[in-house]
């Protein structure tokens, strides 16, 4: 299941910080986004279920 929505939220917060003269906050958000993308990528590589969307995962988990 994808967690990409969190990167959209962080990106929106970063734009808010840049628009409101908060460069340190914007930098920390950028740092958080980079760290999150690295970890998300690493987890996707090791977890085959993470590649599935919600309906696929539900089908896979359904008892026979």
N, C-alpha and C. Protein backbone atom coordinates (compact mmCIF):
# COMPACT_ATOMS: atom_id res chain seq x y z
N UNK A 1 0.84 -1.17 0.00
CA UNK A 1 0.00 0.00 0.00
C UNK A 1 0.88 1.24 0.00
N UNK A 2 0.52 2.21 -0.77
CA UNK A 2 1.35 3.40 -0.92
C UNK A 2 1.11 4.43 0.18
N UNK A 3 2.19 5.02 0.61
CA UNK A 3 2.11 6.09 1.60
C UNK A 3 2.57 7.41 0.99
N UNK A 4 2.47 7.53 -0.33
CA UNK A 4 2.95 8.73 -1.01
C UNK A 4 2.20 9.99 -0.59
N UNK A 5 1.02 9.85 -0.04
CA UNK A 5 0.24 11.03 0.37
C UNK A 5 1.03 11.87 1.38
N UNK A 6 1.84 11.23 2.21
CA UNK A 6 2.57 11.98 3.23
C UNK A 6 3.57 12.93 2.60
N UNK A 7 4.13 12.56 1.45
CA UNK A 7 5.08 13.43 0.77
C UNK A 7 4.38 14.65 0.18
N UNK A 8 3.13 14.49 -0.24
CA UNK A 8 2.35 15.63 -0.69
C UNK A 8 2.10 16.60 0.46
N UNK A 9 1.77 16.06 1.63
CA UNK A 9 1.55 16.90 2.81
C UNK A 9 2.83 17.64 3.19
N UNK A 10 3.93 16.92 3.24
CA UNK A 10 5.21 17.55 3.57
C UNK A 10 5.58 18.63 2.55
N UNK A 11 5.31 18.36 1.29
CA UNK A 11 5.58 19.34 0.23
C UNK A 11 4.73 20.60 0.41
N UNK A 12 3.46 20.42 0.76
CA UNK A 12 2.60 21.57 1.02
C UNK A 12 3.10 22.38 2.21
N UNK A 13 3.52 21.69 3.26
CA UNK A 13 4.07 22.39 4.43
C UNK A 13 5.34 23.15 4.07
N UNK A 14 6.17 22.54 3.23
CA UNK A 14 7.41 23.20 2.80
C UNK A 14 7.09 24.47 2.02
N UNK A 15 6.12 24.41 1.10
CA UNK A 15 5.72 25.61 0.35
C UNK A 15 5.18 26.69 1.28
N UNK A 16 4.41 26.27 2.29
CA UNK A 16 3.91 27.22 3.28
C UNK A 16 5.08 27.90 3.99
N UNK A 17 6.06 27.11 4.41
CA UNK A 17 7.21 27.66 5.12
C UNK A 17 7.98 28.64 4.23
N UNK A 18 8.21 28.27 2.98
CA UNK A 18 8.92 29.16 2.07
C UNK A 18 8.14 30.45 1.83
N UNK A 19 6.84 30.35 1.72
CA UNK A 19 5.99 31.52 1.47
C UNK A 19 5.87 32.43 2.68
N UNK A 20 6.23 31.92 3.85
CA UNK A 20 6.08 32.70 5.08
C UNK A 20 7.42 32.97 5.77
N UNK A 21 8.47 33.05 4.94
CA UNK A 21 9.80 33.42 5.41
C UNK A 21 10.28 32.55 6.58
N UNK A 22 10.15 31.24 6.39
CA UNK A 22 10.58 30.27 7.40
C UNK A 22 11.56 29.28 6.75
N UNK A 23 12.74 29.76 6.33
CA UNK A 23 13.66 28.90 5.58
C UNK A 23 14.21 27.71 6.38
N UNK A 24 14.41 27.88 7.67
CA UNK A 24 14.91 26.76 8.47
C UNK A 24 13.88 25.64 8.52
N UNK A 25 12.63 26.00 8.73
CA UNK A 25 11.55 25.01 8.75
C UNK A 25 11.43 24.33 7.39
N UNK A 26 11.51 25.12 6.32
CA UNK A 26 11.43 24.55 4.96
C UNK A 26 12.56 23.56 4.73
N UNK A 27 13.76 23.90 5.21
CA UNK A 27 14.90 23.00 5.06
C UNK A 27 14.72 21.70 5.81
N UNK A 28 14.18 21.78 7.00
CA UNK A 28 13.93 20.56 7.79
C UNK A 28 12.87 19.69 7.12
N UNK A 29 11.87 20.31 6.53
CA UNK A 29 10.84 19.54 5.82
C UNK A 29 11.43 18.85 4.60
N UNK A 30 12.31 19.55 3.90
CA UNK A 30 13.00 18.94 2.74
C UNK A 30 13.84 17.75 3.20
N UNK A 31 14.53 17.92 4.31
CA UNK A 31 15.33 16.84 4.88
C UNK A 31 14.44 15.64 5.25
N UNK A 32 13.30 15.91 5.85
CA UNK A 32 12.36 14.85 6.22
C UNK A 32 11.85 14.12 4.98
N UNK A 33 11.58 14.88 3.91
CA UNK A 33 11.10 14.26 2.68
C UNK A 33 12.16 13.33 2.08
N UNK A 34 13.41 13.78 2.08
CA UNK A 34 14.48 12.93 1.54
C UNK A 34 14.64 11.66 2.36
N UNK A 35 14.64 11.81 3.68
CA UNK A 35 14.78 10.64 4.56
C UNK A 35 13.60 9.69 4.37
N UNK A 36 12.41 10.23 4.29
CA UNK A 36 11.21 9.41 4.09
C UNK A 36 11.23 8.66 2.78
N UNK A 37 11.67 9.32 1.72
CA UNK A 37 11.74 8.66 0.42
C UNK A 37 12.79 7.54 0.42
N UNK A 38 13.91 7.78 1.07
CA UNK A 38 14.93 6.71 1.16
C UNK A 38 14.38 5.50 1.90
N UNK A 39 13.76 5.74 3.02
CA UNK A 39 13.23 4.63 3.82
C UNK A 39 12.07 3.94 3.12
N UNK A 40 11.21 4.71 2.50
CA UNK A 40 10.08 4.14 1.79
C UNK A 40 10.56 3.25 0.65
N UNK A 41 11.57 3.72 -0.06
CA UNK A 41 12.14 2.93 -1.15
C UNK A 41 12.74 1.63 -0.63
N UNK A 42 13.47 1.72 0.46
CA UNK A 42 14.08 0.53 1.05
C UNK A 42 13.02 -0.47 1.49
N UNK A 43 11.95 0.01 2.10
CA UNK A 43 10.89 -0.88 2.57
C UNK A 43 10.15 -1.53 1.41
N UNK A 44 9.91 -0.77 0.33
CA UNK A 44 9.21 -1.34 -0.83
C UNK A 44 10.02 -2.46 -1.45
N UNK A 45 11.34 -2.30 -1.46
CA UNK A 45 12.20 -3.34 -2.03
C UNK A 45 12.14 -4.63 -1.23
N UNK A 46 11.89 -4.53 0.07
CA UNK A 46 11.91 -5.72 0.92
C UNK A 46 10.52 -6.27 1.23
N UNK A 47 9.46 -5.56 0.90
CA UNK A 47 8.10 -5.99 1.26
C UNK A 47 7.22 -6.12 0.02
N UNK A 48 6.98 -7.34 -0.47
CA UNK A 48 6.17 -7.51 -1.68
C UNK A 48 4.74 -7.01 -1.51
N UNK A 49 4.21 -7.01 -0.30
CA UNK A 49 2.84 -6.55 -0.09
C UNK A 49 2.73 -5.05 -0.28
N UNK A 50 3.82 -4.31 -0.11
CA UNK A 50 3.80 -2.87 -0.26
C UNK A 50 3.57 -2.47 -1.71
N UNK A 51 3.84 -3.38 -2.64
CA UNK A 51 3.65 -3.11 -4.06
C UNK A 51 2.18 -3.20 -4.47
N UNK A 52 1.34 -3.76 -3.60
CA UNK A 52 -0.06 -3.98 -3.92
C UNK A 52 -0.92 -2.81 -3.49
N UNK A 53 -1.97 -2.55 -4.27
CA UNK A 53 -2.93 -1.55 -3.82
C UNK A 53 -3.93 -2.22 -2.87
N UNK A 54 -4.82 -1.45 -2.28
CA UNK A 54 -5.72 -1.97 -1.24
C UNK A 54 -6.57 -3.15 -1.72
N UNK A 55 -7.21 -3.09 -2.90
CA UNK A 55 -8.01 -4.25 -3.34
C UNK A 55 -7.18 -5.51 -3.55
N UNK A 56 -5.98 -5.36 -4.10
CA UNK A 56 -5.11 -6.52 -4.28
C UNK A 56 -4.73 -7.13 -2.93
N UNK A 57 -4.39 -6.28 -1.99
CA UNK A 57 -4.00 -6.76 -0.66
C UNK A 57 -5.17 -7.44 0.03
N UNK A 58 -6.37 -6.88 -0.08
CA UNK A 58 -7.55 -7.50 0.54
C UNK A 58 -7.81 -8.88 -0.07
N UNK A 59 -7.69 -8.99 -1.38
CA UNK A 59 -7.89 -10.26 -2.06
C UNK A 59 -6.85 -11.27 -1.59
N UNK A 60 -5.63 -10.85 -1.45
CA UNK A 60 -4.55 -11.74 -1.04
C UNK A 60 -4.75 -12.25 0.39
N UNK A 61 -5.31 -11.38 1.26
CA UNK A 61 -5.48 -11.73 2.66
C UNK A 61 -6.77 -12.51 2.95
N UNK A 62 -7.68 -12.57 1.97
CA UNK A 62 -8.95 -13.25 2.15
C UNK A 62 -8.73 -14.76 2.31
N UNK A 63 -9.38 -15.38 3.31
CA UNK A 63 -9.24 -16.83 3.46
C UNK A 63 -9.90 -17.55 2.28
N UNK A 64 -9.36 -18.69 1.92
CA UNK A 64 -9.92 -19.47 0.78
C UNK A 64 -11.15 -20.21 1.16
